[in-house]
Amino acid sequence: MRMQLALFLAAVFAVSPLDGVAGEKQIVDVKELAGSWRGWVTAEMGDERATMTVQADGTYQASTTRGSTSEGRFYLQDGKLRYRSSRTIGTASLSEDQGKTMLTVMPEDPQHQTGRAEYERVK
């Protein structure tokens, strides 16, 4: 009986998400990204603090504390979140961890001076 209970509990934990564990969130509409975000952008001179405002149509404006700016648009393509900015194109993902919503932006061209960016939703 104990063995069956242990196997049952192991199966439940294996197939159900745990609170507090980071997990990618599926986006069905770019409206889900609307709002203010703050985080870090990997740039030519190292990591820079950044802010970003996303509109309901997926368009956004981002800026760093050093004065770099970027405009672009998030969109869905084949069920995947993507973006196109004034500097790069690439993929994006949304995840939730311990009550925080995180947006990660990854450019496709590793040669470009702007790298990965990670933002947290501002409440």
PDB file of N, CA and C in Angstrom:
ATOM      1  N   MET A   1       0.816  -1.196   0.000  1.00  0.00           N
ATOM      2  CA  MET A   1       0.000   0.000   0.000  1.00  0.00           C
ATOM      3  C   MET A   1       0.864   1.266   0.000  1.00  0.00           C
ATOM      4  N   ARG A   2       1.929   1.288   0.807  1.00  0.00           N
ATOM      5  CA  ARG A   2       2.817   2.449   0.846  1.00  0.00           C
ATOM      6  C   ARG A   2       3.508   2.655  -0.491  1.00  0.00           C
ATOM      7  N   MET A   3       3.899   1.582  -1.122  1.00  0.00           N
ATOM      8  CA  MET A   3       4.573   1.678  -2.409  1.00  0.00           C
ATOM      9  C   MET A   3       3.639   2.286  -3.453  1.00  0.00           C
ATOM     10  N   GLN A   4       2.366   1.890  -3.461  1.00  0.00           N
ATOM     11  CA  GLN A   4       1.404   2.443  -4.399  1.00  0.00           C
ATOM     12  C   GLN A   4       1.189   3.926  -4.142  1.00  0.00           C
ATOM     13  N   LEU A   5       1.111   4.315  -2.877  1.00  0.00           N
ATOM     14  CA  LEU A   5       0.942   5.726  -2.526  1.00  0.00           C
ATOM     15  C   LEU A   5       2.160   6.525  -2.980  1.00  0.00           C
ATOM     16  N   ALA A   6       3.341   6.005  -2.749  1.00  0.00           N
ATOM     17  CA  ALA A   6       4.570   6.689  -3.154  1.00  0.00           C
ATOM     18  C   ALA A   6       4.622   6.849  -4.669  1.00  0.00           C
ATOM     19  N   LEU A   7       4.254   5.824  -5.411  1.00  0.00           N
ATOM     20  CA  LEU A   7       4.244   5.907  -6.870  1.00  0.00           C
ATOM     21  C   LEU A   7       3.200   6.902  -7.364  1.00  0.00           C
ATOM     22  N   PHE A   8       2.044   6.904  -6.716  1.00  0.00           N
ATOM     23  CA  PHE A   8       0.991   7.849  -7.077  1.00  0.00           C
ATOM     24  C   PHE A   8       1.466   9.285  -6.863  1.00  0.00           C
ATOM     25  N   LEU A   9       2.049   9.573  -5.710  1.00  0.00           N
ATOM     26  CA  LEU A   9       2.535  10.930  -5.415  1.00  0.00           C
ATOM     27  C   LEU A   9       3.645  11.337  -6.373  1.00  0.00           C
ATOM     28  N   ALA A  10       4.526  10.420  -6.689  1.00  0.00           N
ATOM     29  CA  ALA A  10       5.594  10.725  -7.637  1.00  0.00           C
ATOM     30  C   ALA A  10       5.013  11.082  -9.008  1.00  0.00           C
ATOM     31  N   ALA A  11       3.998  10.366  -9.429  1.00  0.00           N
ATOM     32  CA  ALA A  11       3.359  10.650 -10.718  1.00  0.00           C
ATOM     33  C   ALA A  11       2.667  12.003 -10.704  1.00  0.00           C
ATOM     34  N   VAL A  12       2.004  12.329  -9.612  1.00  0.00           N
ATOM     35  CA  VAL A  12       1.316  13.622  -9.505  1.00  0.00           C
ATOM     36  C   VAL A  12       2.321  14.766  -9.601  1.00  0.00           C
ATOM     37  N   PHE A  13       3.430  14.676  -8.865  1.00  0.00           N
ATOM     38  CA  PHE A  13       4.442  15.726  -8.910  1.00  0.00           C
ATOM     39  C   PHE A  13       5.117  15.814 -10.271  1.00  0.00           C
ATOM     40  N   ALA A  14       5.234  14.724 -10.952  1.00  0.00           N
ATOM     41  CA  ALA A  14       5.896  14.716 -12.259  1.00  0.00           C
ATOM     42  C   ALA A  14       5.057  15.409 -13.326  1.00  0.00           C
ATOM     43  N   VAL A  15       3.743  15.349 -13.231  1.00  0.00           N
ATOM     44  CA  VAL A  15       2.891  15.908 -14.281  1.00  0.00           C
ATOM     45  C   VAL A  15       2.247  17.238 -13.917  1.00  0.00           C
ATOM     46  N   SER A  16       2.373  17.688 -12.674  1.00  0.00           N
ATOM     47  CA  SER A  16       1.762  18.962 -12.301  1.00  0.00           C
ATOM     48  C   SER A  16       2.834  19.979 -11.947  1.00  0.00           C
ATOM     49  N   PRO A  17       2.605  21.264 -12.332  1.00  0.00           N
ATOM     50  CA  PRO A  17       3.593  22.289 -12.010  1.00  0.00           C
ATOM     51  C   PRO A  17       3.614  22.569 -10.507  1.00  0.00           C
ATOM     52  N   LEU A  18       4.784  22.919 -10.011  1.00  0.00           N
ATOM     53  CA  LEU A  18       4.928  23.252  -8.602  1.00  0.00           C
ATOM     54  C   LEU A  18       4.950  24.760  -8.436  1.00  0.00           C
ATOM     55  N   ASP A  19       4.327  25.276  -7.383  1.00  0.00           N
ATOM     56  CA  ASP A  19       4.392  26.698  -7.098  1.00  0.00           C
ATOM     57  C   ASP A  19       5.829  27.075  -6.810  1.00  0.00           C
ATOM     58  N   GLY A  20       6.241  28.226  -7.320  1.00  0.00           N
ATOM     59  CA  GLY A  20       7.578  28.707  -7.044  1.00  0.00           C
ATOM     60  C   GLY A  20       8.633  28.189  -8.001  1.00  0.00           C
ATOM     61  N   VAL A  21       8.252  27.339  -8.934  1.00  0.00           N
ATOM     62  CA  VAL A  21       9.201  26.831  -9.911  1.00  0.00           C
ATOM     63  C   VAL A  21       8.975  27.587 -11.213  1.00  0.00           C
ATOM     64  N   ALA A  22      10.053  28.107 -11.779  1.00  0.00           N
ATOM     65  CA  ALA A  22       9.934  28.885 -13.008  1.00  0.00           C
ATOM     66  C   ALA A  22       9.365  28.029 -14.126  1.00  0.00           C
ATOM     67  N   GLY A  23       8.469  28.629 -14.891  1.00  0.00           N
ATOM     68  CA  GLY A  23       7.906  27.904 -16.013  1.00  0.00           C
ATOM     69  C   GLY A  23       7.530  28.852 -17.115  1.00  0.00           C
ATOM     70  N   GLU A  24       7.785  28.429 -18.357  1.00  0.00           N
ATOM     71  CA  GLU A  24       7.435  29.262 -19.488  1.00  0.00           C
ATOM     72  C   GLU A  24       5.927  29.342 -19.605  1.00  0.00           C
ATOM     73  N   LYS A  25       5.446  30.522 -19.888  1.00  0.00           N
ATOM     74  CA  LYS A  25       4.015  30.761 -20.022  1.00  0.00           C
ATOM     75  C   LYS A  25       3.696  30.925 -21.503  1.00  0.00           C
ATOM     76  N   GLN A  26       2.728  30.163 -21.977  1.00  0.00           N
ATOM     77  CA  GLN A  26       2.313  30.250 -23.378  1.00  0.00           C
ATOM     78  C   GLN A  26       1.545  31.546 -23.601  1.00  0.00           C
ATOM     79  N   ILE A  27       1.891  32.275 -24.629  1.00  0.00           N
ATOM     80  CA  ILE A  27       1.224  33.525 -24.984  1.00  0.00           C
ATOM     81  C   ILE A  27       0.242  33.244 -26.108  1.00  0.00           C
ATOM     82  N   VAL A  28      -1.001  33.701 -25.951  1.00  0.00           N
ATOM     83  CA  VAL A  28      -1.981  33.536 -27.017  1.00  0.00           C
ATOM     84  C   VAL A  28      -2.327  34.872 -27.680  1.00  0.00           C
ATOM     85  N   ASP A  29      -1.940  35.976 -27.036  1.00  0.00           N
ATOM     86  CA  ASP A  29      -2.198  37.307 -27.587  1.00  0.00           C
ATOM     87  C   ASP A  29      -1.144  38.261 -27.037  1.00  0.00           C
ATOM     88  N   VAL A  30      -0.571  39.101 -27.901  1.00  0.00           N
ATOM     89  CA  VAL A  30       0.466  40.026 -27.446  1.00  0.00           C
ATOM     90  C   VAL A  30      -0.072  41.041 -26.437  1.00  0.00           C
ATOM     91  N   LYS A  31      -1.389  41.161 -26.326  1.00  0.00           N
ATOM     92  CA  LYS A  31      -1.989  42.050 -25.316  1.00  0.00           C
ATOM     93  C   LYS A  31      -1.525  41.669 -23.909  1.00  0.00           C
ATOM     94  N   GLU A  32      -1.167  40.395 -23.722  1.00  0.00           N
ATOM     95  CA  GLU A  32      -0.707  39.917 -22.414  1.00  0.00           C
ATOM     96  C   GLU A  32       0.591  40.593 -21.980  1.00  0.00           C
ATOM     97  N   LEU A  33       1.329  41.158 -22.927  1.00  0.00           N
ATOM     98  CA  LEU A  33       2.600  41.812 -22.622  1.00  0.00           C
ATOM     99  C   LEU A  33       2.440  43.293 -22.285  1.00  0.00           C
ATOM    100  N   ALA A  34       1.258  43.854 -22.521  1.00  0.00           N
ATOM    101  CA  ALA A  34       1.046  45.287 -22.331  1.00  0.00           C
ATOM    102  C   ALA A  34       1.384  45.707 -20.909  1.00  0.00           C
ATOM    103  N   GLY A  35       2.109  46.826 -20.814  1.00  0.00           N
ATOM    104  CA  GLY A  35       2.456  47.375 -19.512  1.00  0.00           C
ATOM    105  C   GLY A  35       3.908  47.801 -19.453  1.00  0.00           C
ATOM    106  N   SER A  36       4.380  48.016 -18.232  1.00  0.00           N
ATOM    107  CA  SER A  36       5.742  48.481 -18.003  1.00  0.00           C
ATOM    108  C   SER A  36       6.634  47.342 -17.529  1.00  0.00           C
ATOM    109  N   TRP A  37       7.866  47.355 -17.991  1.00  0.00           N
ATOM    110  CA  TRP A  37       8.856  46.329 -17.679  1.00  0.00           C
ATOM    111  C   TRP A  37      10.175  47.009 -17.329  1.00  0.00           C
ATOM    112  N   ARG A  38      10.963  46.382 -16.462  1.00  0.00           N
ATOM    113  CA  ARG A  38      12.307  46.881 -16.172  1.00  0.00           C
ATOM    114  C   ARG A  38      13.247  45.690 -16.041  1.00  0.00           C
ATOM    115  N   GLY A  39      14.506  45.917 -16.406  1.00  0.00           N
ATOM    116  CA  GLY A  39      15.444  44.812 -16.333  1.00  0.00           C
ATOM    117  C   GLY A  39      16.815  45.187 -16.808  1.00  0.00           C
ATOM    118  N   TRP A  40      17.478  44.224 -17.464  1.00  0.00           N
ATOM    119  CA  TRP A  40      18.855  44.370 -17.912  1.00  0.00           C
ATOM    120  C   TRP A  40      18.992  43.954 -19.369  1.00  0.00           C
ATOM    121  N   VAL A  41      19.814  44.690 -20.093  1.00  0.00           N
ATOM    122  CA  VAL A  41      20.117  44.396 -21.486  1.00  0.00           C
ATOM    123  C   VAL A  41      21.622  44.185 -21.594  1.00  0.00           C
ATOM    124  N   THR A  42      22.024  43.128 -22.279  1.00  0.00           N
ATOM    125  CA  THR A  42      23.436  42.911 -22.542  1.00  0.00           C
ATOM    126  C   THR A  42      23.805  43.751 -23.753  1.00  0.00           C
ATOM    127  N   ALA A  43      24.732  44.671 -23.553  1.00  0.00           N
ATOM    128  CA  ALA A  43      25.113  45.590 -24.622  1.00  0.00           C
ATOM    129  C   ALA A  43      26.616  45.515 -24.867  1.00  0.00           C
ATOM    130  N   GLU A  44      27.067  46.277 -25.823  1.00  0.00           N
ATOM    131  CA  GLU A  44      28.465  46.314 -26.221  1.00  0.00           C
ATOM    132  C   GLU A  44      29.396  46.623 -25.037  1.00  0.00           C
ATOM    133  N   MET A  45      28.965  47.512 -24.158  1.00  0.00           N
ATOM    134  CA  MET A  45      29.801  47.941 -23.032  1.00  0.00           C
ATOM    135  C   MET A  45      29.475  47.181 -21.746  1.00  0.00           C
ATOM    136  N   GLY A  46      28.724  46.085 -21.836  1.00  0.00           N
ATOM    137  CA  GLY A  46      28.339  45.319 -20.653  1.00  0.00           C
ATOM    138  C   GLY A  46      26.850  45.436 -20.387  1.00  0.00           C
ATOM    139  N   ASP A  47      26.408  44.909 -19.258  1.00  0.00           N
ATOM    140  CA  ASP A  47      24.991  44.948 -18.921  1.00  0.00           C
ATOM    141  C   ASP A  47      24.551  46.364 -18.574  1.00  0.00           C
ATOM    142  N   GLU A  48      23.366  46.729 -19.061  1.00  0.00           N
ATOM    143  CA  GLU A  48      22.796  48.044 -18.808  1.00  0.00           C
ATOM    144  C   GLU A  48      21.394  47.891 -18.246  1.00  0.00           C
ATOM    145  N   ARG A  49      21.038  48.730 -17.305  1.00  0.00           N
ATOM    146  CA  ARG A  49      19.690  48.786 -16.761  1.00  0.00           C
ATOM    147  C   ARG A  49      18.773  49.308 -17.860  1.00  0.00           C
ATOM    148  N   ALA A  50      17.573  48.753 -17.980  1.00  0.00           N
ATOM    149  CA  ALA A  50      16.664  49.147 -19.058  1.00  0.00           C
ATOM    150  C   ALA A  50      15.219  49.156 -18.592  1.00  0.00           C
ATOM    151  N   THR A  51      14.425  49.945 -19.279  1.00  0.00           N
ATOM    152  CA  THR A  51      12.975  49.951 -19.077  1.00  0.00           C
ATOM    153  C   THR A  51      12.322  49.781 -20.439  1.00  0.00           C
ATOM    154  N   MET A  52      11.103  49.255 -20.412  1.00  0.00           N
ATOM    155  CA  MET A  52      10.373  49.041 -21.656  1.00  0.00           C
ATOM    156  C   MET A  52       8.882  49.205 -21.381  1.00  0.00           C
ATOM    157  N   THR A  53       8.198  49.848 -22.309  1.00  0.00           N
ATOM    158  CA  THR A  53       6.750  49.982 -22.244  1.00  0.00           C
ATOM    159  C   THR A  53       6.166  49.306 -23.470  1.00  0.00           C
ATOM    160  N   VAL A  54       5.259  48.344 -23.238  1.00  0.00           N
ATOM    161  CA  VAL A  54       4.636  47.590 -24.322  1.00  0.00           C
ATOM    162  C   VAL A  54       3.166  48.000 -24.415  1.00  0.00           C
ATOM    163  N   GLN A  55       2.722  48.307 -25.620  1.00  0.00           N
ATOM    164  CA  GLN A  55       1.320  48.663 -25.870  1.00  0.00           C
ATOM    165  C   GLN A  55       0.508  47.396 -26.166  1.00  0.00           C
ATOM    166  N   ALA A  56      -0.808  47.514 -26.130  1.00  0.00           N
ATOM    167  CA  ALA A  56      -1.696  46.366 -26.345  1.00  0.00           C
ATOM    168  C   ALA A  56      -1.538  45.741 -27.729  1.00  0.00           C
ATOM    169  N   ASP A  57      -1.080  46.518 -28.714  1.00  0.00           N
ATOM    170  CA  ASP A  57      -0.888  45.968 -30.062  1.00  0.00           C
ATOM    171  C   ASP A  57       0.478  45.302 -30.241  1.00  0.00           C
ATOM    172  N   GLY A  58       1.289  45.252 -29.173  1.00  0.00           N
ATOM    173  CA  GLY A  58       2.591  44.603 -29.235  1.00  0.00           C
ATOM    174  C   GLY A  58       3.745  45.546 -29.518  1.00  0.00           C
ATOM    175  N   THR A  59       3.463  46.795 -29.896  1.00  0.00           N
ATOM    176  CA  THR A  59       4.551  47.741 -30.125  1.00  0.00           C
ATOM    177  C   THR A  59       5.176  48.133 -28.789  1.00  0.00           C
ATOM    178  N   TYR A  60       6.461  48.452 -28.833  1.00  0.00           N
ATOM    179  CA  TYR A  60       7.140  48.823 -27.593  1.00  0.00           C
ATOM    180  C   TYR A  60       8.214  49.869 -27.826  1.00  0.00           C
ATOM    181  N   GLN A  61       8.588  50.514 -26.735  1.00  0.00           N
ATOM    182  CA  GLN A  61       9.721  51.423 -26.696  1.00  0.00           C
ATOM    183  C   GLN A  61      10.556  51.028 -25.497  1.00  0.00           C
ATOM    184  N   ALA A  62      11.861  50.913 -25.707  1.00  0.00           N
ATOM    185  CA  ALA A  62      12.773  50.538 -24.626  1.00  0.00           C
ATOM    186  C   ALA A  62      13.914  51.544 -24.579  1.00  0.00           C
ATOM    187  N   SER A  63      14.462  51.728 -23.388  1.00  0.00           N
ATOM    188  CA  SER A  63      15.617  52.615 -23.245  1.00  0.00           C
ATOM    189  C   SER A  63      16.485  52.128 -22.096  1.00  0.00           C
ATOM    190  N   THR A  64      17.760  52.471 -22.173  1.00  0.00           N
ATOM    191  CA  THR A  64      18.704  52.108 -21.120  1.00  0.00           C
ATOM    192  C   THR A  64      19.112  53.363 -20.357  1.00  0.00           C
ATOM    193  N   THR A  65      19.748  53.155 -19.218  1.00  0.00           N
ATOM    194  CA  THR A  65      20.206  54.288 -18.419  1.00  0.00           C
ATOM    195  C   THR A  65      21.325  55.054 -19.112  1.00  0.00           C
ATOM    196  N   ARG A  66      21.988  54.441 -20.074  1.00  0.00           N
ATOM    197  CA  ARG A  66      23.052  55.128 -20.824  1.00  0.00           C
ATOM    198  C   ARG A  66      22.509  55.881 -22.031  1.00  0.00           C
ATOM    199  N   GLY A  67      21.198  55.828 -22.253  1.00  0.00           N
ATOM    200  CA  GLY A  67      20.590  56.607 -23.318  1.00  0.00           C
ATOM    201  C   GLY A  67      20.309  55.871 -24.613  1.00  0.00           C
ATOM    202  N   SER A  68      20.614  54.585 -24.700  1.00  0.00           N
ATOM    203  CA  SER A  68      20.272  53.826 -25.903  1.00  0.00           C
ATOM    204  C   SER A  68      18.765  53.616 -25.950  1.00  0.00           C
ATOM    205  N   THR A  69      18.190  53.724 -27.127  1.00  0.00           N
ATOM    206  CA  THR A  69      16.752  53.501 -27.278  1.00  0.00           C
ATOM    207  C   THR A  69      16.498  52.491 -28.387  1.00  0.00           C
ATOM    208  N   SER A  70      15.345  51.867 -28.306  1.00  0.00           N
ATOM    209  CA  SER A  70      14.941  50.891 -29.307  1.00  0.00           C
ATOM    210  C   SER A  70      13.417  50.882 -29.373  1.00  0.00           C
ATOM    211  N   GLU A  71      12.908  50.753 -30.571  1.00  0.00           N
ATOM    212  CA  GLU A  71      11.474  50.611 -30.778  1.00  0.00           C
ATOM    213  C   GLU A  71      11.256  49.321 -31.541  1.00  0.00           C
ATOM    214  N   GLY A  72      10.117  48.705 -31.313  1.00  0.00           N
ATOM    215  CA  GLY A  72       9.846  47.478 -32.031  1.00  0.00           C
ATOM    216  C   GLY A  72       8.441  46.980 -31.807  1.00  0.00           C
ATOM    217  N   ARG A  73       8.268  45.702 -32.124  1.00  0.00           N
ATOM    218  CA  ARG A  73       6.943  45.094 -32.029  1.00  0.00           C
ATOM    219  C   ARG A  73       7.089  43.615 -31.707  1.00  0.00           C
ATOM    220  N   PHE A  74       6.304  43.163 -30.733  1.00  0.00           N
ATOM    221  CA  PHE A  74       6.182  41.733 -30.450  1.00  0.00           C
ATOM    222  C   PHE A  74       5.042  41.191 -31.307  1.00  0.00           C
ATOM    223  N   TYR A  75       5.195  39.945 -31.764  1.00  0.00           N
ATOM    224  CA  TYR A  75       4.141  39.323 -32.556  1.00  0.00           C
ATOM    225  C   TYR A  75       4.242  37.804 -32.397  1.00  0.00           C
ATOM    226  N   LEU A  76       3.178  37.122 -32.759  1.00  0.00           N
ATOM    227  CA  LEU A  76       3.151  35.663 -32.718  1.00  0.00           C
ATOM    228  C   LEU A  76       3.334  35.124 -34.131  1.00  0.00           C
ATOM    229  N   GLN A  77       4.208  34.119 -34.243  1.00  0.00           N
ATOM    230  CA  GLN A  77       4.426  33.466 -35.532  1.00  0.00           C
ATOM    231  C   GLN A  77       4.498  31.969 -35.272  1.00  0.00           C
ATOM    232  N   ASP A  78       3.573  31.234 -35.854  1.00  0.00           N
ATOM    233  CA  ASP A  78       3.501  29.786 -35.662  1.00  0.00           C
ATOM    234  C   ASP A  78       3.454  29.420 -34.177  1.00  0.00           C
ATOM    235  N   GLY A  79       2.716  30.231 -33.406  1.00  0.00           N
ATOM    236  CA  GLY A  79       2.545  29.963 -31.984  1.00  0.00           C
ATOM    237  C   GLY A  79       3.706  30.372 -31.101  1.00  0.00           C
ATOM    238  N   LYS A  80       4.735  30.966 -31.696  1.00  0.00           N
ATOM    239  CA  LYS A  80       5.914  31.394 -30.938  1.00  0.00           C
ATOM    240  C   LYS A  80       5.963  32.912 -30.850  1.00  0.00           C
ATOM    241  N   LEU A  81       6.412  33.397 -29.694  1.00  0.00           N
ATOM    242  CA  LEU A  81       6.545  34.832 -29.486  1.00  0.00           C
ATOM    243  C   LEU A  81       7.851  35.308 -30.116  1.00  0.00           C
ATOM    244  N   ARG A  82       7.746  36.318 -30.980  1.00  0.00           N
ATOM    245  CA  ARG A  82       8.905  36.873 -31.671  1.00  0.00           C
ATOM    246  C   ARG A  82       8.864  38.391 -31.555  1.00  0.00           C
ATOM    247  N   TYR A  83       9.948  39.019 -31.960  1.00  0.00           N
ATOM    248  CA  TYR A  83       9.983  40.475 -31.973  1.00  0.00           C
ATOM    249  C   TYR A  83      10.835  40.971 -33.132  1.00  0.00           C
ATOM    250  N   ARG A  84      10.576  42.190 -33.511  1.00  0.00           N
ATOM    251  CA  ARG A  84      11.391  42.892 -34.505  1.00  0.00           C
ATOM    252  C   ARG A  84      11.575  44.297 -33.946  1.00  0.00           C
ATOM    253  N   SER A  85      12.829  44.720 -33.807  1.00  0.00           N
ATOM    254  CA  SER A  85      13.096  46.056 -33.270  1.00  0.00           C
ATOM    255  C   SER A  85      13.888  46.877 -34.267  1.00  0.00           C
ATOM    256  N   SER A  86      14.175  48.102 -33.875  1.00  0.00           N
ATOM    257  CA  SER A  86      14.978  48.973 -34.715  1.00  0.00           C
ATOM    258  C   SER A  86      16.431  48.507 -34.758  1.00  0.00           C
ATOM    259  N   ARG A  87      16.788  47.538 -33.889  1.00  0.00           N
ATOM    260  CA  ARG A  87      18.162  47.037 -33.834  1.00  0.00           C
ATOM    261  C   ARG A  87      18.294  45.563 -34.220  1.00  0.00           C
ATOM    262  N   THR A  88      17.366  44.730 -33.788  1.00  0.00           N
ATOM    263  CA  THR A  88      17.492  43.277 -33.985  1.00  0.00           C
ATOM    264  C   THR A  88      16.139  42.633 -34.234  1.00  0.00           C
ATOM    265  N   ILE A  89      16.184  41.351 -34.591  1.00  0.00           N
ATOM    266  CA  ILE A  89      15.003  40.500 -34.607  1.00  0.00           C
ATOM    267  C   ILE A  89      15.342  39.272 -33.785  1.00  0.00           C
ATOM    268  N   GLY A  90      14.316  38.594 -33.280  1.00  0.00           N
ATOM    269  CA  GLY A  90      14.599  37.396 -32.507  1.00  0.00           C
ATOM    270  C   GLY A  90      13.371  36.815 -31.840  1.00  0.00           C
ATOM    271  N   THR A  91      13.634  36.024 -30.824  1.00  0.00           N
ATOM    272  CA  THR A  91      12.565  35.344 -30.095  1.00  0.00           C
ATOM    273  C   THR A  91      12.414  35.954 -28.710  1.00  0.00           C
ATOM    274  N   ALA A  92      11.270  35.698 -28.123  1.00  0.00           N
ATOM    275  CA  ALA A  92      11.002  36.168 -26.770  1.00  0.00           C
ATOM    276  C   ALA A  92      10.217  35.087 -26.044  1.00  0.00           C
ATOM    277  N   SER A  93      10.314  35.101 -24.737  1.00  0.00           N
ATOM    278  CA  SER A  93       9.541  34.148 -23.939  1.00  0.00           C
ATOM    279  C   SER A  93       9.111  34.805 -22.643  1.00  0.00           C
ATOM    280  N   LEU A  94       7.987  34.354 -22.146  1.00  0.00           N
ATOM    281  CA  LEU A  94       7.420  34.859 -20.905  1.00  0.00           C
ATOM    282  C   LEU A  94       7.438  33.719 -19.906  1.00  0.00           C
ATOM    283  N   SER A  95       7.863  33.998 -18.673  1.00  0.00           N
ATOM    284  CA  SER A  95       7.874  32.962 -17.646  1.00  0.00           C
ATOM    285  C   SER A  95       7.427  33.565 -16.323  1.00  0.00           C
ATOM    286  N   GLU A  96       6.999  32.694 -15.434  1.00  0.00           N
ATOM    287  CA  GLU A  96       6.584  33.113 -14.101  1.00  0.00           C
ATOM    288  C   GLU A  96       7.371  32.315 -13.078  1.00  0.00           C
ATOM    289  N   ASP A  97       7.841  33.023 -12.041  1.00  0.00           N
ATOM    290  CA  ASP A  97       8.621  32.383 -10.986  1.00  0.00           C
ATOM    291  C   ASP A  97       8.406  33.151  -9.689  1.00  0.00           C
ATOM    292  N   GLN A  98       7.900  32.486  -8.688  1.00  0.00           N
ATOM    293  CA  GLN A  98       7.694  33.053  -7.358  1.00  0.00           C
ATOM    294  C   GLN A  98       6.962  34.390  -7.411  1.00  0.00           C
ATOM    295  N   GLY A  99       5.897  34.444  -8.192  1.00  0.00           N
ATOM    296  CA  GLY A  99       5.067  35.634  -8.277  1.00  0.00           C
ATOM    297  C   GLY A  99       5.600  36.724  -9.197  1.00  0.00           C
ATOM    298  N   LYS A 100       6.726  36.489  -9.848  1.00  0.00           N
ATOM    299  CA  LYS A 100       7.292  37.469 -10.774  1.00  0.00           C
ATOM    300  C   LYS A 100       7.057  37.007 -12.198  1.00  0.00           C
ATOM    301  N   THR A 101       6.701  37.960 -13.068  1.00  0.00           N
ATOM    302  CA  THR A 101       6.550  37.663 -14.481  1.00  0.00           C
ATOM    303  C   THR A 101       7.763  38.227 -15.199  1.00  0.00           C
ATOM    304  N   MET A 102       8.474  37.355 -15.919  1.00  0.00           N
ATOM    305  CA  MET A 102       9.712  37.729 -16.589  1.00  0.00           C
ATOM    306  C   MET A 102       9.553  37.593 -18.103  1.00  0.00           C
ATOM    307  N   LEU A 103      10.121  38.552 -18.824  1.00  0.00           N
ATOM    308  CA  LEU A 103      10.135  38.540 -20.279  1.00  0.00           C
ATOM    309  C   LEU A 103      11.596  38.497 -20.723  1.00  0.00           C
ATOM    310  N   THR A 104      11.948  37.465 -21.470  1.00  0.00           N
ATOM    311  CA  THR A 104      13.313  37.310 -21.973  1.00  0.00           C
ATOM    312  C   THR A 104      13.298  37.507 -23.478  1.00  0.00           C
ATOM    313  N   VAL A 105      14.193  38.351 -23.966  1.00  0.00           N
ATOM    314  CA  VAL A 105      14.296  38.673 -25.385  1.00  0.00           C
ATOM    315  C   VAL A 105      15.678  38.240 -25.859  1.00  0.00           C
ATOM    316  N   MET A 106      15.712  37.439 -26.926  1.00  0.00           N
ATOM    317  CA  MET A 106      16.983  36.893 -27.418  1.00  0.00           C
ATOM    318  C   MET A 106      17.128  37.183 -28.911  1.00  0.00           C
ATOM    319  N   PRO A 107      18.090  38.038 -29.288  1.00  0.00           N
ATOM    320  CA  PRO A 107      18.287  38.323 -30.717  1.00  0.00           C
ATOM    321  C   PRO A 107      18.843  37.105 -31.457  1.00  0.00           C
ATOM    322  N   GLU A 108      18.502  37.010 -32.725  1.00  0.00           N
ATOM    323  CA  GLU A 108      18.975  35.890 -33.541  1.00  0.00           C
ATOM    324  C   GLU A 108      20.405  36.068 -34.010  1.00  0.00           C
ATOM    325  N   ASP A 109      20.838  37.296 -34.184  1.00  0.00           N
ATOM    326  CA  ASP A 109      22.173  37.567 -34.714  1.00  0.00           C
ATOM    327  C   ASP A 109      23.160  37.783 -33.570  1.00  0.00           C
ATOM    328  N   PRO A 110      23.996  36.791 -33.268  1.00  0.00           N
ATOM    329  CA  PRO A 110      24.926  36.938 -32.154  1.00  0.00           C
ATOM    330  C   PRO A 110      26.024  37.961 -32.418  1.00  0.00           C
ATOM    331  N   GLN A 111      26.176  38.404 -33.647  1.00  0.00           N
ATOM    332  CA  GLN A 111      27.208  39.383 -33.974  1.00  0.00           C
ATOM    333  C   GLN A 111      26.776  40.815 -33.659  1.00  0.00           C
ATOM    334  N   HIS A 112      25.472  41.001 -33.452  1.00  0.00           N
ATOM    335  CA  HIS A 112      24.977  42.347 -33.195  1.00  0.00           C
ATOM    336  C   HIS A 112      25.395  42.796 -31.807  1.00  0.00           C
ATOM    337  N   GLN A 113      25.523  44.092 -31.616  1.00  0.00           N
ATOM    338  CA  GLN A 113      26.012  44.639 -30.349  1.00  0.00           C
ATOM    339  C   GLN A 113      25.009  44.539 -29.208  1.00  0.00           C
ATOM    340  N   THR A 114      23.773  44.271 -29.497  1.00  0.00           N
ATOM    341  CA  THR A 114      22.761  44.119 -28.453  1.00  0.00           C
ATOM    342  C   THR A 114      22.506  42.635 -28.246  1.00  0.00           C
ATOM    343  N   GLY A 115      22.594  42.201 -27.006  1.00  0.00           N
ATOM    344  CA  GLY A 115      22.393  40.791 -26.703  1.00  0.00           C
ATOM    345  C   GLY A 115      21.090  40.545 -25.977  1.00  0.00           C
ATOM    346  N   ARG A 116      21.068  39.494 -25.231  1.00  0.00           N
ATOM    347  CA  ARG A 116      19.914  39.053 -24.470  1.00  0.00           C
ATOM    348  C   ARG A 116      19.444  40.152 -23.504  1.00  0.00           C
ATOM    349  N   ALA A 117      18.138  40.235 -23.327  1.00  0.00           N
ATOM    350  CA  ALA A 117      17.561  41.173 -22.367  1.00  0.00           C
ATOM    351  C   ALA A 117      16.576  40.408 -21.488  1.00  0.00           C
ATOM    352  N   GLU A 118      16.554  40.742 -20.220  1.00  0.00           N
ATOM    353  CA  GLU A 118      15.609  40.138 -19.282  1.00  0.00           C
ATOM    354  C   GLU A 118      14.893  41.256 -18.533  1.00  0.00           C
ATOM    355  N   TYR A 119      13.573  41.214 -18.602  1.00  0.00           N
ATOM    356  CA  TYR A 119      12.739  42.231 -17.974  1.00  0.00           C
ATOM    357  C   TYR A 119      11.790  41.585 -16.982  1.00  0.00           C
ATOM    358  N   GLU A 120      11.459  42.334 -15.939  1.00  0.00           N
ATOM    359  CA  GLU A 120      10.442  41.927 -14.980  1.00  0.00           C
ATOM    360  C   GLU A 120       9.279  42.892 -15.095  1.00  0.00           C
ATOM    361  N   ARG A 121       8.060  42.347 -15.053  1.00  0.00           N
ATOM    362  CA  ARG A 121       6.869  43.198 -15.135  1.00  0.00           C
ATOM    363  C   ARG A 121       6.833  44.105 -13.910  1.00  0.00           C
ATOM    364  N   VAL A 122       6.574  45.394 -14.134  1.00  0.00           N
ATOM    365  CA  VAL A 122       6.437  46.354 -13.056  1.00  0.00           C
ATOM    366  C   VAL A 122       4.984  46.365 -12.635  1.00  0.00           C
ATOM    367  N   LYS A 123       4.762  46.195 -11.354  1.00  0.00           N
ATOM    368  CA  LYS A 123       3.370  46.130 -10.870  1.00  0.00           C
ATOM    369  C   LYS A 123       2.802  47.497 -10.622  1.00  0.00           C
TER     370      LYS A 123
END
